[in-house]
Amino acid sequence: MPSDLHYLSLDEVARRLKARKLSSVELTGSMLDRIGKVDPRLQSYATVTADRALADAACLDAETASGTSRGPLHGVPIAVKDLCNTEGVATAAGMEIHRGNVPTRDATVVARLKQAGAVLLGKLQMTEGAYGAHHPNIPAPLNPWNAAYWTGSSSSGSGAATAAGLCYASLGSDTGGSIRFPSTMNGLSGLKPTWGRVSRAGVFALAESLDHIGPMTRNALDTAIVLGVIAGADPEDPTSVGLPVPDYVASIDQGVRGRRIGFATNMQGLDEDARRALDGAVEALKNTGALIVDVKLPDGFDQGARDWVPLCGVEAAVAHEVTYPSRAAEYGPVLSGLLDHGRRLSATEVAKMQLRRAALTGELNRLLASVDLLLMPVMARAVWSTEALQAAGRDPETVAARLRYTAPFDLSGHPTLTLPGGMSADGVPVGFQVVGKAFDEGLILAAGHAYQQRTDWHSRRPPL
């Protein structure tokens, strides 16, 4: 087998599996060997389910031999963030108090991946409760590009494992930026779908009205493949939306010729890396025939980022009410601080923030009605070392500044695709976002694919 098999795209290995040039058992065994060699240093996996993965791969190979295919994920090894329930496999959500939690049912997204023939390699490590820091007793995954740099927020294990060739795709969750931060820091294509597009049933909540589940892969086409499997209405999640799920792969080549892509003239504080990635995206998308038009971010955009922490805190307090504050001593300081903050808020304060959230959503809908897509940075400071992140602290204004270009789209629920668009001087990937109208994931994926047909940032791999 080729030595770089682990870095092939999901689409490519799926085609090899279907053509029987490769077996799922061979592929899964190869990935498990790589996890054993590489992950002791990266620590991206919370749990590796080797025996179960190999047994599932053998069953899927038997189906292939009989002429049966479940679709483009048939026999492909993937992994999921450790807040997605997995039947018979521990789901800890990055928390000490849930280390012994073994669900009896799969989350809907996990069940759909299995039904589509994906092989689950294991569960990926994450921050405590999907908030902003890892529990002090649980090692944080390392960035495979440069261990001195941040791996991204709560979907850190998903970012590190997918970038390092330890799975062909992963699931992450995004409440304030936690698909987008690890996607930009690890050079991935990560999609935060429209809120309601993907079921949250069986997924540990941080803040239910803000939580989004989505795919993290190495290119836009692979992202489209996974989204097509996990999207759609679910009777177990009444907030999931019953709109038909488009064939994202069939429309991936539609391109963006003639499409109006908004570029905000009132973005603030972008460093050279963030600006360079955006300028490169503008140039590439113009070369595909897109029209770049100047727009202005809504007046409520900055306030949305400031409102995010207290709104997240009050919903997180609800999610943790069974164990917090009764077991507060078992929580880490960052998540405890969020829960305490949420519990202190008055009903009047929450109501005012919810009204501002509704207004911001309306303003963003109006902005997106004037263009087809919106081009945005992920962060004003494109990359963060862990040292700089610690020095910056977690005061409300600092956190709001870091969330400025991500959290408003969690508040509004709009879909956004993060794409790699450059490298910093220290060899760390730099990304940007393409934002779309609600439930228009097909167009942002097509835009991402068109961009990646003209650039090669997505094909670069960490120096492991």
Protein backbone atom coordinates (compact mmCIF):
# COMPACT_ATOMS: atom_id res chain seq x y z
CA MET A 1 0.00 0.00 0.00
CA PRO A 2 1.25 3.54 -0.68
CA SER A 3 2.99 5.15 2.29
CA ASP A 4 0.83 8.26 2.03
CA LEU A 5 -2.48 6.37 1.94
CA HIS A 6 -3.57 8.16 5.10
CA TYR A 7 -3.44 11.53 3.32
CA LEU A 8 -5.63 10.60 0.38
CA SER A 9 -8.98 12.35 0.16
CA LEU A 10 -12.10 10.62 1.40
CA ASP A 11 -13.45 10.69 -2.14
CA GLU A 12 -10.34 8.97 -3.50
CA VAL A 13 -10.27 6.14 -0.93
CA ALA A 14 -14.01 5.64 -1.41
CA ARG A 15 -13.49 5.15 -5.13
CA ARG A 16 -10.65 2.69 -4.50
CA LEU A 17 -12.80 0.76 -2.06
CA LYS A 18 -15.70 0.61 -4.50
CA ALA A 19 -13.40 -0.60 -7.29
CA ARG A 20 -12.00 -3.23 -4.88
CA LYS A 21 -8.46 -1.90 -5.33
CA LEU A 22 -8.36 -1.65 -1.56
CA SER A 23 -10.26 -3.41 1.21
CA SER A 24 -11.78 -1.70 4.21
CA VAL A 25 -9.90 -4.08 6.51
CA GLU A 26 -6.58 -3.10 4.90
CA LEU A 27 -7.45 0.57 5.06
CA THR A 28 -8.73 0.44 8.64
CA GLY A 29 -5.71 -1.55 9.79
CA SER A 30 -3.39 0.96 8.15
CA MET A 31 -5.15 3.86 9.87
CA LEU A 32 -5.05 2.11 13.25
CA ASP A 33 -1.31 1.51 12.81
CA ARG A 34 -0.81 5.20 12.08
CA ILE A 35 -2.87 6.20 15.11
CA GLY A 36 -0.68 3.94 17.23
CA LYS A 37 2.48 5.59 15.90
CA VAL A 38 1.43 9.24 15.71
CA ASP A 39 -1.28 9.85 18.27
CA PRO A 40 0.72 9.20 21.45
CA ARG A 41 2.31 12.57 20.66
CA LEU A 42 -0.76 14.41 19.30
CA GLN A 43 -3.30 12.97 21.80
CA SER A 44 -6.21 13.64 19.45
CA TYR A 45 -8.18 10.50 20.33
CA ALA A 46 -10.05 10.07 23.59
CA THR A 47 -10.89 6.44 22.70
CA VAL A 48 -9.76 4.16 19.87
CA THR A 49 -12.17 1.33 19.05
CA ALA A 50 -9.75 -0.87 17.13
CA ASP A 51 -11.42 -4.27 17.48
CA ARG A 52 -14.86 -2.95 16.67
CA ALA A 53 -13.54 -0.98 13.69
CA LEU A 54 -11.82 -4.01 12.18
CA ALA A 55 -14.91 -6.19 12.70
CA ASP A 56 -17.12 -3.57 11.03
CA ALA A 57 -14.64 -3.24 8.17
CA ALA A 58 -14.74 -6.99 7.57
CA CYS A 59 -18.55 -6.94 7.40
CA LEU A 60 -18.45 -4.05 4.95
CA ASP A 61 -15.90 -5.86 2.78
CA ALA A 62 -18.26 -8.83 2.66
CA GLU A 63 -21.04 -6.53 1.48
CA THR A 64 -18.74 -5.12 -1.20
CA ALA A 65 -17.89 -8.64 -2.35
CA SER A 66 -21.60 -9.41 -2.71
CA GLY A 67 -22.10 -6.32 -4.86
CA THR A 68 -23.65 -4.16 -2.18
CA SER A 69 -22.59 -0.55 -1.60
CA ARG A 70 -24.07 1.74 1.00
CA GLY A 71 -22.74 4.84 -0.74
CA PRO A 72 -19.59 6.97 -0.82
CA LEU A 73 -18.69 6.31 2.84
CA HIS A 74 -18.83 2.52 2.47
CA GLY A 75 -15.77 1.14 4.30
CA VAL A 76 -14.16 4.55 4.94
CA PRO A 77 -12.58 5.04 8.41
CA ILE A 78 -13.78 8.18 10.18
CA ALA A 79 -13.99 9.44 13.76
CA VAL A 80 -16.37 11.62 15.76
CA LYS A 81 -16.01 14.20 18.48
CA ASP A 82 -16.46 12.71 21.93
CA LEU A 83 -19.76 14.46 22.59
CA CYS A 84 -21.63 12.28 20.09
CA ASN A 85 -23.19 9.31 21.86
CA THR A 86 -21.89 5.94 20.68
CA GLU A 87 -23.61 2.74 21.73
CA GLY A 88 -21.33 0.73 24.00
CA VAL A 89 -18.44 3.21 23.72
CA ALA A 90 -17.66 5.82 26.38
CA THR A 91 -18.77 9.37 25.63
CA ALA A 92 -17.18 11.78 28.09
CA ALA A 93 -17.57 15.18 26.36
CA GLY A 94 -14.13 16.14 27.63
CA MET A 95 -15.32 15.93 31.23
CA GLU A 96 -13.86 14.04 34.17
CA ILE A 97 -17.29 13.35 35.64
CA HIS A 98 -18.46 11.60 32.45
CA ARG A 99 -15.47 9.29 31.94
CA GLY A 100 -17.64 6.29 32.80
CA ASN A 101 -20.62 7.31 30.66
CA VAL A 102 -21.37 4.52 28.17
CA PRO A 103 -24.48 5.29 26.07
CA THR A 104 -26.92 2.57 25.07
CA ARG A 105 -27.81 4.33 21.79
CA ASP A 106 -25.97 6.14 19.04
CA ALA A 107 -26.50 9.83 18.38
CA THR A 108 -28.46 10.29 15.16
CA VAL A 109 -25.39 11.57 13.31
CA VAL A 110 -23.41 8.50 14.38
CA ALA A 111 -26.24 6.16 13.39
CA ARG A 112 -26.42 7.82 9.96
CA LEU A 113 -22.68 7.49 9.42
CA LYS A 114 -22.83 3.81 10.31
CA GLN A 115 -25.84 3.23 8.09
CA ALA A 116 -23.87 4.81 5.25
CA GLY A 117 -21.07 2.30 5.81
CA ALA A 118 -18.50 4.46 7.60
CA VAL A 119 -16.08 2.64 9.91
CA LEU A 120 -15.80 4.37 13.30
CA LEU A 121 -12.18 4.41 14.46
CA GLY A 122 -12.99 6.06 17.77
CA LYS A 123 -13.87 9.21 19.67
CA LEU A 124 -11.91 12.45 19.38
CA GLN A 125 -10.73 14.53 22.30
CA MET A 126 -12.30 17.90 23.05
CA THR A 127 -12.44 20.74 25.53
CA GLU A 128 -14.42 20.29 28.74
CA GLY A 129 -18.11 20.31 27.93
CA ALA A 130 -17.30 21.79 24.49
CA TYR A 131 -16.43 25.19 25.96
CA GLY A 132 -13.13 27.03 25.71
CA ALA A 133 -10.54 24.99 27.64
CA HIS A 134 -9.58 21.40 28.29
CA HIS A 135 -10.14 19.94 31.73
CA PRO A 136 -6.90 20.30 33.75
CA ASN A 137 -6.64 16.49 34.13
CA ILE A 138 -7.12 15.71 30.43
CA PRO A 139 -4.24 16.40 28.00
CA ALA A 140 -5.04 18.81 25.19
CA PRO A 141 -4.42 17.63 21.60
CA LEU A 142 -1.40 19.19 19.92
CA ASN A 143 -1.38 21.04 16.62
CA PRO A 144 0.31 18.69 14.09
CA TRP A 145 1.71 21.62 12.12
CA ASN A 146 3.48 23.24 15.07
CA ALA A 147 3.04 22.03 18.65
CA ALA A 148 3.59 25.54 20.01
CA TYR A 149 0.35 26.69 18.39
CA TRP A 150 -3.31 26.41 19.38
CA THR A 151 -5.15 23.43 17.97
CA GLY A 152 -8.45 25.28 17.97
CA SER A 153 -11.19 25.27 20.53
CA SER A 154 -13.52 22.46 21.47
CA SER A 155 -13.20 20.30 18.33
CA SER A 156 -9.43 20.24 18.83
CA GLY A 157 -9.12 16.46 18.52
CA SER A 158 -11.18 16.48 15.33
CA GLY A 159 -8.89 19.13 13.86
CA ALA A 160 -5.63 17.44 14.80
CA ALA A 161 -6.68 13.90 13.79
CA THR A 162 -8.11 14.87 10.41
CA ALA A 163 -5.11 17.04 9.52
CA ALA A 164 -2.62 14.40 10.66
CA GLY A 165 -4.11 11.59 8.57
CA LEU A 166 -5.61 9.72 11.53
CA CYS A 167 -9.08 9.58 9.94
CA TYR A 168 -10.52 10.58 6.57
CA ALA A 169 -13.17 12.83 8.07
CA SER A 170 -14.47 13.77 11.48
CA LEU A 171 -17.45 15.39 13.10
CA GLY A 172 -17.07 18.53 15.15
CA SER A 173 -19.46 20.89 16.88
CA ASP A 174 -19.62 24.67 16.69
CA THR A 175 -21.28 26.81 19.33
CA GLY A 176 -19.10 29.90 19.01
CA GLY A 177 -16.50 28.83 16.45
CA SER A 178 -15.38 25.34 17.40
CA ILE A 179 -15.53 23.83 13.93
CA ARG A 180 -14.03 26.94 12.37
CA PHE A 181 -11.16 27.56 14.83
CA PRO A 182 -9.66 24.04 14.57
CA SER A 183 -10.32 24.01 10.82
CA THR A 184 -8.34 27.19 10.26
CA MET A 185 -5.56 26.21 12.70
CA ASN A 186 -5.15 22.75 11.15
CA GLY A 187 -5.70 23.55 7.46
CA LEU A 188 -9.07 21.82 7.04
CA SER A 189 -12.33 22.40 5.23
CA GLY A 190 -14.92 22.55 8.00
CA LEU A 191 -18.63 23.25 7.69
CA LYS A 192 -20.92 24.73 10.31
CA PRO A 193 -24.30 23.90 8.75
CA THR A 194 -27.44 25.97 9.17
CA TRP A 195 -28.92 25.45 12.63
CA GLY A 196 -31.52 22.72 12.22
CA ARG A 197 -29.94 21.16 9.12
CA VAL A 198 -28.22 18.42 11.17
CA SER A 199 -29.82 16.62 14.11
CA ARG A 200 -28.43 17.23 17.59
CA ALA A 201 -30.20 14.19 19.09
CA GLY A 202 -27.80 12.24 21.26
CA VAL A 203 -25.17 14.99 21.27
CA PHE A 204 -24.01 16.45 24.58
CA ALA A 205 -25.18 20.06 24.71
CA LEU A 206 -23.20 23.17 25.51
CA ALA A 207 -25.88 25.69 24.54
CA GLU A 208 -28.69 24.09 22.59
CA SER A 209 -29.86 27.07 20.56
CA LEU A 210 -26.27 27.76 19.49
CA ASP A 211 -24.91 24.22 18.97
CA HIS A 212 -24.23 23.04 15.40
CA ILE A 213 -22.86 19.64 14.32
CA GLY A 214 -20.85 19.45 11.11
CA PRO A 215 -18.10 17.72 9.12
CA MET A 216 -14.39 18.48 9.19
CA THR A 217 -12.42 17.11 6.22
CA ARG A 218 -9.46 17.93 4.00
CA ASN A 219 -11.40 19.46 1.09
CA ALA A 220 -14.81 20.85 0.19
CA LEU A 221 -15.85 17.79 -1.84
CA ASP A 222 -15.26 15.47 1.11
CA THR A 223 -17.22 17.86 3.31
CA ALA A 224 -20.13 17.67 0.85
CA ILE A 225 -20.04 13.87 0.96
CA VAL A 226 -20.29 13.73 4.76
CA LEU A 227 -22.91 16.46 5.01
CA GLY A 228 -25.14 14.58 2.59
CA VAL A 229 -25.11 11.61 4.98
CA ILE A 230 -25.74 13.39 8.29
CA ALA A 231 -28.16 16.14 7.19
CA GLY A 232 -31.93 15.97 7.33
CA ALA A 233 -34.93 15.93 9.62
CA ASP A 234 -34.93 13.65 12.65
CA PRO A 235 -37.99 12.78 14.78
CA GLU A 236 -35.64 12.56 17.77
CA ASP A 237 -34.76 16.25 17.37
CA PRO A 238 -37.82 18.48 16.98
CA THR A 239 -35.58 21.44 16.10
CA SER A 240 -34.25 19.68 13.01
CA VAL A 241 -35.76 21.09 9.84
CA GLY A 242 -37.78 19.00 7.42
CA LEU A 243 -36.47 20.55 4.22
CA PRO A 244 -35.26 18.10 1.56
CA VAL A 245 -31.52 17.39 1.65
CA PRO A 246 -29.95 18.37 -1.69
CA ASP A 247 -27.37 16.24 -3.46
CA TYR A 248 -24.39 18.35 -2.41
CA VAL A 249 -21.93 16.26 -4.42
CA ALA A 250 -23.98 16.52 -7.63
CA SER A 251 -23.99 20.34 -7.38
CA ILE A 252 -20.38 20.79 -6.24
CA ASP A 253 -19.22 21.72 -9.75
CA GLN A 254 -21.80 24.47 -10.29
CA GLY A 255 -19.17 27.08 -9.50
CA VAL A 256 -19.77 30.72 -8.66
CA ARG A 257 -19.68 32.39 -12.07
CA GLY A 258 -21.89 35.46 -11.93
CA ARG A 259 -22.48 35.07 -8.19
CA ARG A 260 -22.27 38.17 -6.01
CA ILE A 261 -19.87 37.67 -3.11
CA GLY A 262 -19.95 40.32 -0.41
CA PHE A 263 -16.72 41.64 1.07
CA ALA A 264 -17.20 43.74 4.20
CA THR A 265 -15.54 47.15 4.20
CA ASN A 266 -15.86 47.57 7.98
CA MET A 267 -13.83 44.58 9.16
CA GLN A 268 -11.55 45.58 12.00
CA GLY A 269 -8.06 44.73 13.19
CA LEU A 270 -7.10 42.08 10.63
CA ASP A 271 -3.44 41.10 10.77
CA GLU A 272 -1.33 40.53 7.66
CA ASP A 273 -1.97 36.77 7.56
CA ALA A 274 -5.75 37.15 7.80
CA ARG A 275 -5.76 39.91 5.19
CA ARG A 276 -3.51 37.94 2.82
CA ALA A 277 -5.79 34.88 3.00
CA LEU A 278 -8.84 37.01 2.22
CA ASP A 279 -7.08 38.81 -0.64
CA GLY A 280 -6.07 35.45 -2.10
CA ALA A 281 -9.65 34.20 -1.82
CA VAL A 282 -10.96 37.33 -3.54
CA GLU A 283 -8.51 36.89 -6.41
CA ALA A 284 -9.21 33.17 -6.86
CA LEU A 285 -12.99 33.58 -6.72
CA LYS A 286 -12.88 36.50 -9.16
CA ASN A 287 -10.92 34.27 -11.52
CA THR A 288 -13.74 31.73 -11.39
CA GLY A 289 -16.20 34.39 -12.51
CA ALA A 290 -17.58 35.62 -9.19
CA LEU A 291 -18.43 39.28 -8.67
CA ILE A 292 -16.93 40.79 -5.50
CA VAL A 293 -19.09 43.57 -4.08
CA ASP A 294 -18.53 45.83 -1.10
CA VAL A 295 -20.92 45.39 1.82
CA LYS A 296 -21.08 46.55 5.43
CA LEU A 297 -21.43 44.29 8.44
CA PRO A 298 -24.54 45.09 10.51
CA ASP A 299 -24.38 47.52 13.41
CA GLY A 300 -25.23 44.70 15.82
CA PHE A 301 -22.37 42.46 14.70
CA ASP A 302 -19.87 43.41 17.42
CA GLN A 303 -22.52 43.40 20.13
CA GLY A 304 -23.44 39.88 19.06
CA ALA A 305 -19.91 38.70 19.81
CA ARG A 306 -20.09 40.38 23.23
CA ASP A 307 -23.48 38.83 23.98
CA TRP A 308 -22.33 35.35 23.05
CA VAL A 309 -20.57 34.45 26.33
CA PRO A 310 -23.49 35.32 28.64
CA LEU A 311 -26.04 33.71 26.30
CA CYS A 312 -23.90 30.59 26.07
CA GLY A 313 -23.46 30.66 29.85
CA VAL A 314 -27.15 30.72 30.69
CA GLU A 315 -27.92 27.84 28.30
CA ALA A 316 -24.90 25.88 29.53
CA ALA A 317 -26.17 26.30 33.11
CA VAL A 318 -29.34 24.52 32.00
CA ALA A 319 -27.36 21.75 30.27
CA HIS A 320 -25.30 21.14 33.43
CA GLU A 321 -27.94 21.66 36.13
CA VAL A 322 -27.86 17.99 37.20
CA THR A 323 -24.14 18.15 38.05
CA TYR A 324 -23.46 21.84 38.62
CA PRO A 325 -23.04 23.28 41.18
CA SER A 326 -23.57 20.03 43.14
CA ARG A 327 -20.30 18.60 41.74
CA ALA A 328 -18.52 21.87 41.04
CA ALA A 329 -15.23 20.62 42.51
CA GLU A 330 -14.92 18.15 39.62
CA TYR A 331 -15.15 20.89 36.97
CA GLY A 332 -12.25 22.83 35.50
CA PRO A 333 -12.01 26.57 36.17
CA VAL A 334 -12.96 27.82 32.69
CA LEU A 335 -16.20 25.88 32.36
CA SER A 336 -17.05 26.60 36.01
CA GLY A 337 -16.59 30.30 35.32
CA LEU A 338 -18.98 30.15 32.38
CA LEU A 339 -21.63 28.32 34.39
CA ASP A 340 -21.35 30.72 37.31
CA HIS A 341 -21.68 33.63 34.91
CA GLY A 342 -24.80 32.13 33.34
CA ARG A 343 -26.40 31.41 36.70
CA ARG A 344 -25.95 35.05 37.81
CA LEU A 345 -27.80 36.58 34.87
CA SER A 346 -31.22 38.09 35.45
CA ALA A 347 -34.24 37.34 33.30
CA THR A 348 -34.22 40.94 32.11
CA GLU A 349 -30.60 40.70 30.96
CA VAL A 350 -31.29 37.48 29.07
CA ALA A 351 -34.39 38.96 27.43
CA LYS A 352 -32.47 42.00 26.20
CA MET A 353 -29.78 39.79 24.69
CA GLN A 354 -32.34 37.58 22.99
CA LEU A 355 -33.97 40.63 21.45
CA ARG A 356 -30.59 41.83 20.18
CA ARG A 357 -29.95 38.34 18.81
CA ALA A 358 -33.23 38.41 16.88
CA ALA A 359 -32.35 41.83 15.48
CA LEU A 360 -28.87 40.67 14.42
CA THR A 361 -30.35 37.63 12.68
CA GLY A 362 -32.71 39.90 10.76
CA GLU A 363 -29.86 42.24 9.82
CA LEU A 364 -27.74 39.35 8.55
CA ASN A 365 -30.68 37.96 6.58
CA ARG A 366 -31.11 41.35 4.96
CA LEU A 367 -27.38 41.57 4.16
CA LEU A 368 -27.35 38.07 2.64
CA ALA A 369 -30.45 38.90 0.58
CA SER A 370 -28.32 41.48 -1.25
CA VAL A 371 -25.53 39.02 -2.16
CA ASP A 372 -25.19 35.29 -2.79
CA LEU A 373 -22.32 34.72 -0.36
CA LEU A 374 -20.23 36.58 2.17
CA LEU A 375 -16.45 36.33 2.47
CA MET A 376 -15.10 36.66 6.02
CA PRO A 377 -12.01 35.97 8.12
CA VAL A 378 -12.19 33.34 10.85
CA MET A 379 -10.18 35.45 13.29
CA ALA A 380 -8.72 38.94 13.08
CA ARG A 381 -5.46 37.50 14.41
CA ALA A 382 -5.13 34.61 12.00
CA VAL A 383 -3.08 32.22 14.16
CA TRP A 384 -2.51 31.95 17.89
CA SER A 385 0.35 30.33 19.74
CA THR A 386 -0.68 28.69 23.01
CA GLU A 387 1.58 31.12 24.82
CA ALA A 388 -0.12 34.14 23.24
CA LEU A 389 -3.53 32.66 23.96
CA GLN A 390 -2.70 32.20 27.63
CA ALA A 391 -1.24 35.70 27.85
CA ALA A 392 -4.37 37.20 26.31
CA GLY A 393 -6.52 35.78 29.11
CA ARG A 394 -10.27 35.28 29.13
CA ASP A 395 -11.71 38.68 30.04
CA PRO A 396 -14.99 39.38 28.21
CA GLU A 397 -13.59 41.87 25.68
CA THR A 398 -10.67 39.60 24.75
CA VAL A 399 -12.95 36.62 24.21
CA ALA A 400 -15.43 38.74 22.24
CA ALA A 401 -12.63 40.01 19.99
CA ARG A 402 -11.54 36.44 19.23
CA LEU A 403 -15.15 35.44 18.50
CA ARG A 404 -15.99 38.55 16.47
CA TYR A 405 -16.18 36.81 13.09
CA THR A 406 -17.55 33.45 14.26
CA ALA A 407 -20.06 33.86 17.11
CA PRO A 408 -22.53 36.12 15.25
CA PHE A 409 -23.18 33.30 12.77
CA ASP A 410 -23.89 30.90 15.63
CA LEU A 411 -26.37 33.40 17.01
CA SER A 412 -28.04 33.71 13.60
CA GLY A 413 -27.63 30.06 12.57
CA HIS A 414 -26.29 30.81 9.07
CA PRO A 415 -24.08 28.18 7.39
CA THR A 416 -20.39 28.87 6.98
CA LEU A 417 -17.55 26.93 5.39
CA THR A 418 -13.97 27.43 6.57
CA LEU A 419 -11.25 26.85 3.97
CA PRO A 420 -7.43 26.90 4.16
CA GLY A 421 -6.07 29.96 2.41
CA GLY A 422 -2.44 30.46 3.40
CA MET A 423 0.37 29.74 5.82
CA SER A 424 1.88 31.86 8.56
CA ALA A 425 5.62 32.48 8.87
CA ASP A 426 5.76 29.71 11.47
CA GLY A 427 4.19 27.19 9.10
CA VAL A 428 0.70 27.23 10.59
CA PRO A 429 -2.35 27.23 8.28
CA VAL A 430 -4.50 30.34 7.86
CA GLY A 431 -8.15 30.07 6.87
CA PHE A 432 -11.15 32.16 5.88
CA GLN A 433 -14.93 31.66 5.81
CA VAL A 434 -17.57 31.60 3.10
CA VAL A 435 -20.99 32.38 4.62
CA GLY A 436 -24.29 31.62 2.92
CA LYS A 437 -28.02 32.06 3.26
CA ALA A 438 -29.87 29.69 5.58
CA PHE A 439 -29.94 26.14 4.14
CA ASP A 440 -27.79 27.14 1.16
CA GLU A 441 -24.93 24.80 2.06
CA GLY A 442 -24.80 23.62 -1.55
CA LEU A 443 -23.65 27.00 -2.80
CA ILE A 444 -20.97 27.55 -0.17
CA LEU A 445 -19.62 24.07 -0.83
CA ALA A 446 -19.57 24.80 -4.57
CA ALA A 447 -17.73 28.06 -3.85
CA GLY A 448 -15.22 26.21 -1.70
CA HIS A 449 -14.70 23.58 -4.37
CA ALA A 450 -14.24 26.23 -7.07
CA TYR A 451 -11.67 27.98 -4.89
CA GLN A 452 -9.82 24.73 -4.26
CA GLN A 453 -9.69 23.97 -7.99
CA ARG A 454 -7.51 27.08 -8.34
CA THR A 455 -5.42 26.83 -5.16
CA ASP A 456 -3.44 24.13 -3.39
CA TRP A 457 -3.56 25.18 0.25
CA HIS A 458 -5.93 22.30 1.01
CA SER A 459 -3.45 19.75 -0.37
CA ARG A 460 -0.62 20.67 2.01
CA ARG A 461 0.10 18.32 4.91
CA PRO A 462 1.74 18.81 8.32
CA PRO A 463 5.43 17.86 8.73
CA LEU A 464 4.92 14.71 10.81
